[in-house]
Amino acid sequence: MEPKIIEKPTFHVLGYGIQTTTQNGQNSTDIPRFWQEFLQNNLRNDIPNPISPNVELGICTDFNLQDGGFTYLIGMEVISTELVPEGMIYRTFPAGQYAVFTTPPATNNTFVQSIQETWGFIFQSWLPSSGYEHSGGAEMELYDERCWGNENKQMDIYVPIKKVD
């Protein structure tokens, strides 16, 4: 699994967030549950003026290296805004270099597992031998039309990187 290395310009996201932690794998339970709530309640429809209405983002940000805590944001890219609806979060993410991985095709039943295994591959196999290191920026999951349907579901994982000195 080889990533594409890209430069992503500054972008703005509007959506919903939760606090979770990597301790005891809590994030592996919290994040799928959060997505289920987001999808069941059709919260995507409450996000005004998305740039790409068929693209949702899952973003890991605000990492606390001491306790493993971080914010997980589900949202959509928007043009810069000052109007943030109640209960939503608006964030601007700076331009940066990313390694972009596409998950293997999966079914409805194996999609979450495929995503989690891809994250594992990135941090356990690819990153340590890649010549890159994590830049400390936000990590992002991009969900688009490839996620629809029951089979051959795929999505992209964006890992912020910088060359190892």
N, C-alpha and C. Protein backbone atom coordinates (compact mmCIF):
# COMPACT_ATOMS: atom_id res chain seq x y z
N MET A 1 0.86 -1.17 0.00
CA MET A 1 0.00 0.00 0.00
C MET A 1 0.90 1.23 0.00
N GLU A 2 1.00 1.88 -1.14
CA GLU A 2 1.83 3.07 -1.26
C GLU A 2 0.96 4.31 -1.31
N PRO A 3 1.29 5.32 -0.52
CA PRO A 3 0.49 6.54 -0.52
C PRO A 3 0.87 7.48 -1.66
N LYS A 4 -0.04 8.43 -1.92
CA LYS A 4 0.28 9.58 -2.75
C LYS A 4 0.76 10.66 -1.78
N ILE A 5 1.81 11.38 -2.13
CA ILE A 5 2.28 12.50 -1.32
C ILE A 5 1.75 13.77 -1.98
N ILE A 6 0.98 14.56 -1.22
CA ILE A 6 0.36 15.75 -1.78
C ILE A 6 0.61 16.96 -0.88
N GLU A 7 0.44 18.15 -1.45
CA GLU A 7 0.40 19.41 -0.71
C GLU A 7 -1.06 19.84 -0.68
N LYS A 8 -1.61 19.98 0.51
CA LYS A 8 -3.00 20.42 0.65
C LYS A 8 -3.01 21.86 1.13
N PRO A 9 -3.73 22.74 0.43
CA PRO A 9 -3.81 24.13 0.88
C PRO A 9 -4.63 24.26 2.16
N THR A 10 -4.56 25.42 2.78
CA THR A 10 -5.38 25.72 3.96
C THR A 10 -6.83 25.38 3.66
N PHE A 11 -7.52 24.77 4.64
CA PHE A 11 -8.94 24.44 4.44
C PHE A 11 -9.72 24.68 5.73
N HIS A 12 -11.03 24.85 5.57
CA HIS A 12 -11.93 25.17 6.67
C HIS A 12 -12.99 24.08 6.78
N VAL A 13 -13.29 23.66 8.01
CA VAL A 13 -14.25 22.58 8.23
C VAL A 13 -15.29 23.02 9.25
N LEU A 14 -16.54 22.69 8.97
CA LEU A 14 -17.64 22.93 9.88
C LEU A 14 -18.31 21.60 10.17
N GLY A 15 -18.52 21.30 11.45
CA GLY A 15 -19.14 20.02 11.78
C GLY A 15 -19.32 19.83 13.27
N TYR A 16 -19.23 18.58 13.70
CA TYR A 16 -19.49 18.18 15.08
C TYR A 16 -18.25 17.48 15.64
N GLY A 17 -18.03 17.60 16.95
CA GLY A 17 -16.84 17.00 17.53
C GLY A 17 -17.10 16.26 18.82
N ILE A 18 -16.21 15.32 19.11
CA ILE A 18 -16.20 14.63 20.40
C ILE A 18 -14.76 14.58 20.91
N GLN A 19 -14.62 14.42 22.20
CA GLN A 19 -13.31 14.17 22.81
C GLN A 19 -13.19 12.67 23.02
N THR A 20 -12.05 12.10 22.68
CA THR A 20 -11.80 10.68 22.89
C THR A 20 -10.33 10.51 23.24
N THR A 21 -9.91 9.27 23.42
CA THR A 21 -8.53 8.98 23.78
C THR A 21 -8.09 7.66 23.16
N THR A 22 -6.80 7.53 22.98
CA THR A 22 -6.25 6.26 22.49
C THR A 22 -6.07 5.26 23.63
N GLN A 23 -6.21 5.71 24.87
CA GLN A 23 -6.03 4.81 26.01
C GLN A 23 -7.05 3.68 25.95
N ASN A 24 -6.53 2.46 26.11
CA ASN A 24 -7.36 1.24 26.08
C ASN A 24 -8.18 1.12 24.79
N GLY A 25 -7.72 1.77 23.70
CA GLY A 25 -8.43 1.68 22.42
C GLY A 25 -9.79 2.34 22.42
N GLN A 26 -10.02 3.26 23.35
CA GLN A 26 -11.33 3.91 23.47
C GLN A 26 -11.77 4.56 22.17
N ASN A 27 -10.82 5.15 21.42
CA ASN A 27 -11.16 5.81 20.16
C ASN A 27 -11.73 4.83 19.13
N SER A 28 -11.31 3.57 19.19
CA SER A 28 -11.81 2.56 18.25
C SER A 28 -13.28 2.22 18.49
N THR A 29 -13.78 2.55 19.66
CA THR A 29 -15.20 2.39 19.98
C THR A 29 -15.94 3.70 19.79
N ASP A 30 -15.38 4.80 20.30
CA ASP A 30 -16.05 6.10 20.26
C ASP A 30 -16.30 6.61 18.84
N ILE A 31 -15.29 6.49 17.99
CA ILE A 31 -15.40 7.08 16.65
C ILE A 31 -16.45 6.37 15.79
N PRO A 32 -16.46 5.02 15.71
CA PRO A 32 -17.55 4.38 14.94
C PRO A 32 -18.94 4.70 15.50
N ARG A 33 -19.06 4.79 16.83
CA ARG A 33 -20.35 5.13 17.46
C ARG A 33 -20.75 6.56 17.07
N PHE A 34 -19.78 7.49 17.05
CA PHE A 34 -20.04 8.87 16.67
C PHE A 34 -20.50 8.94 15.21
N TRP A 35 -19.84 8.19 14.32
CA TRP A 35 -20.26 8.15 12.91
C TRP A 35 -21.68 7.61 12.79
N GLN A 36 -21.98 6.57 13.55
CA GLN A 36 -23.33 5.98 13.49
C GLN A 36 -24.38 7.03 13.87
N GLU A 37 -24.11 7.78 14.93
CA GLU A 37 -25.03 8.85 15.36
C GLU A 37 -25.14 9.93 14.29
N PHE A 38 -24.01 10.33 13.72
CA PHE A 38 -23.98 11.35 12.67
C PHE A 38 -24.84 10.92 11.48
N LEU A 39 -24.66 9.67 11.05
CA LEU A 39 -25.38 9.17 9.88
C LEU A 39 -26.86 8.94 10.17
N GLN A 40 -27.17 8.34 11.31
CA GLN A 40 -28.57 8.06 11.65
C GLN A 40 -29.39 9.33 11.79
N ASN A 41 -28.77 10.38 12.31
CA ASN A 41 -29.47 11.65 12.50
C ASN A 41 -29.34 12.61 11.33
N ASN A 42 -28.72 12.13 10.24
CA ASN A 42 -28.57 12.93 9.02
C ASN A 42 -27.98 14.31 9.31
N LEU A 43 -26.99 14.36 10.20
CA LEU A 43 -26.41 15.64 10.61
C LEU A 43 -25.70 16.36 9.48
N ARG A 44 -25.30 15.62 8.45
CA ARG A 44 -24.66 16.26 7.30
C ARG A 44 -25.56 17.32 6.69
N ASN A 45 -26.88 17.11 6.77
CA ASN A 45 -27.83 18.05 6.18
C ASN A 45 -27.91 19.36 6.95
N ASP A 46 -27.39 19.38 8.18
CA ASP A 46 -27.42 20.60 8.99
C ASP A 46 -26.20 21.50 8.74
N ILE A 47 -25.23 21.01 7.99
CA ILE A 47 -24.01 21.78 7.72
C ILE A 47 -24.26 22.70 6.52
N PRO A 48 -24.29 24.01 6.74
CA PRO A 48 -24.61 24.92 5.65
C PRO A 48 -23.46 25.11 4.66
N ASN A 49 -23.81 25.17 3.39
CA ASN A 49 -22.91 25.56 2.31
C ASN A 49 -21.61 24.76 2.21
N PRO A 50 -21.68 23.42 2.20
CA PRO A 50 -20.43 22.66 2.01
C PRO A 50 -19.89 22.89 0.60
N ILE A 51 -18.56 22.88 0.49
CA ILE A 51 -17.93 23.03 -0.82
C ILE A 51 -18.24 21.82 -1.70
N SER A 52 -18.14 20.62 -1.12
CA SER A 52 -18.45 19.37 -1.83
C SER A 52 -19.50 18.62 -1.02
N PRO A 53 -20.78 18.73 -1.40
CA PRO A 53 -21.84 18.15 -0.57
C PRO A 53 -21.78 16.63 -0.42
N ASN A 54 -21.01 15.95 -1.24
CA ASN A 54 -20.91 14.49 -1.13
C ASN A 54 -19.62 14.04 -0.47
N VAL A 55 -18.92 14.94 0.20
CA VAL A 55 -17.66 14.60 0.86
C VAL A 55 -17.73 14.97 2.33
N GLU A 56 -17.55 13.96 3.17
CA GLU A 56 -17.51 14.17 4.62
C GLU A 56 -16.10 13.89 5.10
N LEU A 57 -15.70 14.60 6.14
CA LEU A 57 -14.35 14.46 6.68
C LEU A 57 -14.44 14.01 8.14
N GLY A 58 -13.55 13.11 8.51
CA GLY A 58 -13.35 12.74 9.91
C GLY A 58 -11.94 13.19 10.26
N ILE A 59 -11.79 14.07 11.23
CA ILE A 59 -10.49 14.69 11.50
C ILE A 59 -10.08 14.47 12.94
N CYS A 60 -8.86 13.96 13.13
CA CYS A 60 -8.25 13.82 14.45
C CYS A 60 -7.35 15.03 14.66
N THR A 61 -7.60 15.78 15.72
CA THR A 61 -6.84 17.00 15.95
C THR A 61 -6.71 17.27 17.45
N ASP A 62 -5.95 18.27 17.81
CA ASP A 62 -5.76 18.67 19.20
C ASP A 62 -5.21 17.53 20.06
N PHE A 63 -4.17 16.87 19.55
CA PHE A 63 -3.58 15.72 20.24
C PHE A 63 -2.93 16.12 21.56
N ASN A 64 -3.14 15.32 22.59
CA ASN A 64 -2.46 15.47 23.86
C ASN A 64 -1.56 14.24 24.03
N LEU A 65 -0.27 14.41 23.81
CA LEU A 65 0.65 13.28 23.83
C LEU A 65 0.81 12.67 25.23
N GLN A 66 0.49 13.44 26.27
CA GLN A 66 0.63 12.92 27.64
C GLN A 66 -0.44 11.88 27.96
N ASP A 67 -1.69 12.16 27.59
CA ASP A 67 -2.76 11.23 27.98
C ASP A 67 -3.45 10.55 26.80
N GLY A 68 -3.00 10.82 25.56
CA GLY A 68 -3.58 10.17 24.39
C GLY A 68 -4.90 10.76 23.94
N GLY A 69 -5.32 11.85 24.56
CA GLY A 69 -6.59 12.47 24.21
C GLY A 69 -6.51 13.27 22.91
N PHE A 70 -7.63 13.39 22.24
CA PHE A 70 -7.72 14.22 21.04
C PHE A 70 -9.17 14.52 20.72
N THR A 71 -9.38 15.48 19.84
CA THR A 71 -10.71 15.81 19.33
C THR A 71 -10.90 15.08 18.02
N TYR A 72 -12.08 14.48 17.85
CA TYR A 72 -12.45 13.88 16.57
C TYR A 72 -13.62 14.70 16.03
N LEU A 73 -13.43 15.25 14.85
CA LEU A 73 -14.40 16.14 14.22
C LEU A 73 -14.97 15.46 12.97
N ILE A 74 -16.29 15.41 12.87
CA ILE A 74 -16.94 14.97 11.64
C ILE A 74 -17.56 16.21 11.02
N GLY A 75 -17.20 16.50 9.77
CA GLY A 75 -17.73 17.69 9.15
C GLY A 75 -17.52 17.70 7.65
N MET A 76 -17.66 18.88 7.11
CA MET A 76 -17.51 19.09 5.68
C MET A 76 -16.69 20.36 5.45
N GLU A 77 -15.96 20.35 4.36
CA GLU A 77 -15.17 21.53 4.02
C GLU A 77 -16.12 22.63 3.58
N VAL A 78 -15.86 23.84 4.09
CA VAL A 78 -16.69 25.00 3.76
C VAL A 78 -15.77 26.18 3.42
N ILE A 79 -16.37 27.19 2.80
CA ILE A 79 -15.65 28.44 2.62
C ILE A 79 -15.61 29.10 3.99
N SER A 80 -14.57 29.82 4.28
CA SER A 80 -14.43 30.49 5.57
C SER A 80 -15.74 31.15 5.99
N THR A 81 -16.10 30.98 7.26
CA THR A 81 -17.37 31.53 7.74
C THR A 81 -17.22 32.07 9.15
N GLU A 82 -18.06 33.03 9.48
CA GLU A 82 -18.12 33.53 10.85
C GLU A 82 -19.40 33.06 11.52
N LEU A 83 -20.32 32.48 10.75
CA LEU A 83 -21.59 32.00 11.29
C LEU A 83 -21.48 30.51 11.60
N VAL A 84 -21.35 30.18 12.88
CA VAL A 84 -21.22 28.79 13.30
C VAL A 84 -22.50 28.41 14.03
N PRO A 85 -23.30 27.51 13.44
CA PRO A 85 -24.54 27.10 14.11
C PRO A 85 -24.27 26.50 15.49
N GLU A 86 -25.22 26.68 16.38
CA GLU A 86 -25.09 26.17 17.74
C GLU A 86 -24.85 24.65 17.72
N GLY A 87 -23.92 24.22 18.54
CA GLY A 87 -23.61 22.80 18.63
C GLY A 87 -22.56 22.32 17.64
N MET A 88 -22.13 23.21 16.73
CA MET A 88 -21.13 22.84 15.73
C MET A 88 -19.78 23.44 16.08
N ILE A 89 -18.77 22.93 15.41
CA ILE A 89 -17.40 23.39 15.57
C ILE A 89 -16.91 23.86 14.20
N TYR A 90 -16.21 24.97 14.18
CA TYR A 90 -15.58 25.48 12.95
C TYR A 90 -14.09 25.52 13.18
N ARG A 91 -13.34 24.95 12.26
CA ARG A 91 -11.87 24.94 12.39
C ARG A 91 -11.22 25.26 11.05
N THR A 92 -10.09 25.94 11.13
CA THR A 92 -9.24 26.18 9.96
C THR A 92 -7.97 25.38 10.16
N PHE A 93 -7.60 24.64 9.13
CA PHE A 93 -6.39 23.82 9.17
C PHE A 93 -5.38 24.37 8.17
N PRO A 94 -4.12 24.53 8.60
CA PRO A 94 -3.12 25.14 7.72
C PRO A 94 -2.70 24.21 6.58
N ALA A 95 -2.14 24.82 5.56
CA ALA A 95 -1.60 24.06 4.44
C ALA A 95 -0.53 23.12 4.95
N GLY A 96 -0.37 22.00 4.26
CA GLY A 96 0.66 21.07 4.67
C GLY A 96 0.82 19.91 3.70
N GLN A 97 1.83 19.13 3.96
CA GLN A 97 2.11 17.95 3.15
C GLN A 97 1.46 16.74 3.81
N TYR A 98 0.84 15.90 2.99
CA TYR A 98 0.13 14.71 3.48
C TYR A 98 0.51 13.48 2.67
N ALA A 99 0.56 12.35 3.36
CA ALA A 99 0.60 11.04 2.71
C ALA A 99 -0.85 10.57 2.68
N VAL A 100 -1.36 10.24 1.49
CA VAL A 100 -2.75 9.86 1.33
C VAL A 100 -2.83 8.38 0.98
N PHE A 101 -3.50 7.63 1.85
CA PHE A 101 -3.67 6.18 1.68
C PHE A 101 -5.12 5.88 1.35
N THR A 102 -5.37 4.97 0.42
CA THR A 102 -6.72 4.51 0.09
C THR A 102 -6.90 3.12 0.70
N THR A 103 -7.98 2.96 1.46
CA THR A 103 -8.25 1.67 2.08
C THR A 103 -8.58 0.62 1.02
N PRO A 104 -8.32 -0.66 1.32
CA PRO A 104 -8.73 -1.72 0.39
C PRO A 104 -10.25 -1.79 0.29
N PRO A 105 -10.77 -2.27 -0.84
CA PRO A 105 -12.22 -2.41 -0.98
C PRO A 105 -12.78 -3.30 0.14
N ALA A 106 -13.94 -2.90 0.67
CA ALA A 106 -14.55 -3.63 1.78
C ALA A 106 -16.07 -3.65 1.61
N THR A 107 -16.71 -4.52 2.37
CA THR A 107 -18.17 -4.57 2.41
C THR A 107 -18.65 -3.72 3.58
N ASN A 108 -19.96 -3.58 3.70
CA ASN A 108 -20.52 -2.88 4.86
C ASN A 108 -19.99 -3.48 6.16
N ASN A 109 -19.93 -4.81 6.21
CA ASN A 109 -19.53 -5.50 7.43
C ASN A 109 -18.05 -5.37 7.75
N THR A 110 -17.21 -5.13 6.75
CA THR A 110 -15.76 -5.09 6.98
C THR A 110 -15.16 -3.70 6.82
N PHE A 111 -15.99 -2.68 6.55
CA PHE A 111 -15.48 -1.34 6.27
C PHE A 111 -14.74 -0.74 7.46
N VAL A 112 -15.33 -0.78 8.65
CA VAL A 112 -14.67 -0.21 9.83
C VAL A 112 -13.36 -0.94 10.09
N GLN A 113 -13.37 -2.24 9.97
CA GLN A 113 -12.14 -3.03 10.17
C GLN A 113 -11.08 -2.65 9.14
N SER A 114 -11.47 -2.45 7.90
CA SER A 114 -10.54 -2.06 6.84
C SER A 114 -9.89 -0.71 7.16
N ILE A 115 -10.70 0.23 7.65
CA ILE A 115 -10.18 1.55 8.02
C ILE A 115 -9.19 1.42 9.16
N GLN A 116 -9.56 0.68 10.21
CA GLN A 116 -8.70 0.53 11.37
C GLN A 116 -7.40 -0.21 11.02
N GLU A 117 -7.48 -1.21 10.14
CA GLU A 117 -6.28 -1.92 9.72
C GLU A 117 -5.37 -1.03 8.89
N THR A 118 -5.94 -0.14 8.08
CA THR A 118 -5.13 0.79 7.30
C THR A 118 -4.39 1.75 8.22
N TRP A 119 -5.09 2.27 9.24
CA TRP A 119 -4.42 3.13 10.23
C TRP A 119 -3.27 2.37 10.87
N GLY A 120 -3.50 1.11 11.24
CA GLY A 120 -2.44 0.30 11.84
C GLY A 120 -1.25 0.16 10.92
N PHE A 121 -1.50 -0.14 9.65
CA PHE A 121 -0.42 -0.26 8.67
C PHE A 121 0.39 1.03 8.57
N ILE A 122 -0.32 2.16 8.53
CA ILE A 122 0.36 3.45 8.38
C ILE A 122 1.36 3.66 9.51
N PHE A 123 0.91 3.49 10.75
CA PHE A 123 1.77 3.81 11.89
C PHE A 123 2.73 2.71 12.29
N GLN A 124 2.38 1.46 12.02
CA GLN A 124 3.26 0.36 12.42
C GLN A 124 4.25 -0.03 11.33
N SER A 125 3.87 0.11 10.07
CA SER A 125 4.73 -0.35 8.98
C SER A 125 5.27 0.78 8.11
N TRP A 126 4.38 1.58 7.52
CA TRP A 126 4.82 2.55 6.53
C TRP A 126 5.63 3.69 7.14
N LEU A 127 5.07 4.38 8.12
CA LEU A 127 5.71 5.59 8.65
C LEU A 127 7.13 5.34 9.18
N PRO A 128 7.37 4.27 9.97
CA PRO A 128 8.72 4.07 10.51
C PRO A 128 9.80 3.86 9.44
N SER A 129 9.42 3.39 8.25
CA SER A 129 10.43 3.11 7.23
C SER A 129 10.31 4.02 6.01
N SER A 130 9.52 5.08 6.10
CA SER A 130 9.19 5.90 4.93
C SER A 130 10.15 7.04 4.63
N GLY A 131 10.95 7.45 5.62
CA GLY A 131 11.75 8.66 5.44
C GLY A 131 10.98 9.91 5.83
N TYR A 132 9.76 9.71 6.30
CA TYR A 132 8.92 10.81 6.79
C TYR A 132 8.60 10.58 8.25
N GLU A 133 8.16 11.66 8.90
CA GLU A 133 7.62 11.55 10.25
C GLU A 133 6.33 12.35 10.31
N HIS A 134 5.54 12.06 11.31
CA HIS A 134 4.28 12.79 11.52
C HIS A 134 4.63 14.25 11.81
N SER A 135 3.97 15.18 11.15
CA SER A 135 4.29 16.60 11.33
C SER A 135 3.62 17.20 12.56
N GLY A 136 2.72 16.47 13.19
CA GLY A 136 2.00 16.99 14.34
C GLY A 136 0.68 17.64 13.98
N GLY A 137 0.37 17.73 12.70
CA GLY A 137 -0.89 18.33 12.26
C GLY A 137 -2.05 17.37 12.37
N ALA A 138 -3.19 17.81 11.89
CA ALA A 138 -4.42 17.01 11.95
C ALA A 138 -4.38 15.86 10.96
N GLU A 139 -4.87 14.72 11.39
CA GLU A 139 -5.05 13.55 10.52
C GLU A 139 -6.49 13.59 10.00
N MET A 140 -6.70 13.09 8.79
CA MET A 140 -8.02 13.25 8.19
C MET A 140 -8.44 12.00 7.43
N GLU A 141 -9.72 11.68 7.57
CA GLU A 141 -10.36 10.63 6.77
C GLU A 141 -11.32 11.32 5.81
N LEU A 142 -11.27 10.94 4.53
CA LEU A 142 -12.14 11.54 3.53
C LEU A 142 -13.10 10.47 3.02
N TYR A 143 -14.39 10.74 3.22
CA TYR A 143 -15.46 9.82 2.80
C TYR A 143 -16.23 10.47 1.67
N ASP A 144 -16.31 9.77 0.52
CA ASP A 144 -17.04 10.30 -0.63
C ASP A 144 -17.91 9.19 -1.23
N GLU A 145 -18.28 9.34 -2.49
CA GLU A 145 -19.19 8.38 -3.14
C GLU A 145 -18.67 6.94 -3.10
N ARG A 146 -17.37 6.76 -2.94
CA ARG A 146 -16.82 5.41 -2.89
C ARG A 146 -17.28 4.65 -1.66
N CYS A 147 -17.83 5.36 -0.67
CA CYS A 147 -18.31 4.74 0.58
C CYS A 147 -19.75 4.28 0.48
N TRP A 148 -20.43 4.68 -0.57
CA TRP A 148 -21.85 4.38 -0.70
C TRP A 148 -22.02 2.95 -1.20
N GLY A 149 -23.15 2.37 -0.95
CA GLY A 149 -23.41 1.00 -1.39
C GLY A 149 -22.94 0.00 -0.35
N ASN A 150 -23.06 -1.26 -0.69
CA ASN A 150 -22.76 -2.34 0.26
C ASN A 150 -21.43 -3.03 0.02
N GLU A 151 -20.84 -2.83 -1.15
CA GLU A 151 -19.59 -3.52 -1.48
C GLU A 151 -18.60 -2.53 -2.08
N ASN A 152 -17.34 -2.96 -2.11
CA ASN A 152 -16.25 -2.17 -2.70
C ASN A 152 -16.15 -0.78 -2.11
N LYS A 153 -16.42 -0.67 -0.81
CA LYS A 153 -16.34 0.62 -0.11
C LYS A 153 -14.88 0.98 0.13
N GLN A 154 -14.52 2.22 -0.17
CA GLN A 154 -13.17 2.72 0.06
C GLN A 154 -13.23 4.16 0.53
N MET A 155 -12.17 4.59 1.20
CA MET A 155 -12.02 5.98 1.62
C MET A 155 -10.54 6.29 1.69
N ASP A 156 -10.20 7.57 1.86
CA ASP A 156 -8.81 8.00 1.91
C ASP A 156 -8.45 8.48 3.32
N ILE A 157 -7.24 8.16 3.72
CA ILE A 157 -6.68 8.61 5.00
C ILE A 157 -5.52 9.54 4.69
N TYR A 158 -5.56 10.76 5.26
CA TYR A 158 -4.54 11.77 5.08
C TYR A 158 -3.72 11.86 6.37
N VAL A 159 -2.41 11.62 6.26
CA VAL A 159 -1.52 11.71 7.41
C VAL A 159 -0.56 12.87 7.16
N PRO A 160 -0.53 13.85 8.07
CA PRO A 160 0.37 15.00 7.90
C PRO A 160 1.83 14.56 8.12
N ILE A 161 2.68 14.89 7.16
CA ILE A 161 4.06 14.40 7.22
C ILE A 161 5.07 15.51 6.96
N LYS A 162 6.30 15.21 7.35
CA LYS A 162 7.45 16.04 6.98
C LYS A 162 8.64 15.09 6.85
N LYS A 163 9.59 15.50 6.01
CA LYS A 163 10.81 14.69 5.81
C LYS A 163 11.58 14.57 7.12
N VAL A 164 12.12 13.38 7.34
CA VAL A 164 12.98 13.17 8.51
C VAL A 164 14.27 13.91 8.27
N ASP A 165 14.72 14.67 9.27
CA ASP A 165 15.97 15.44 9.12
C ASP A 165 17.18 14.53 9.21
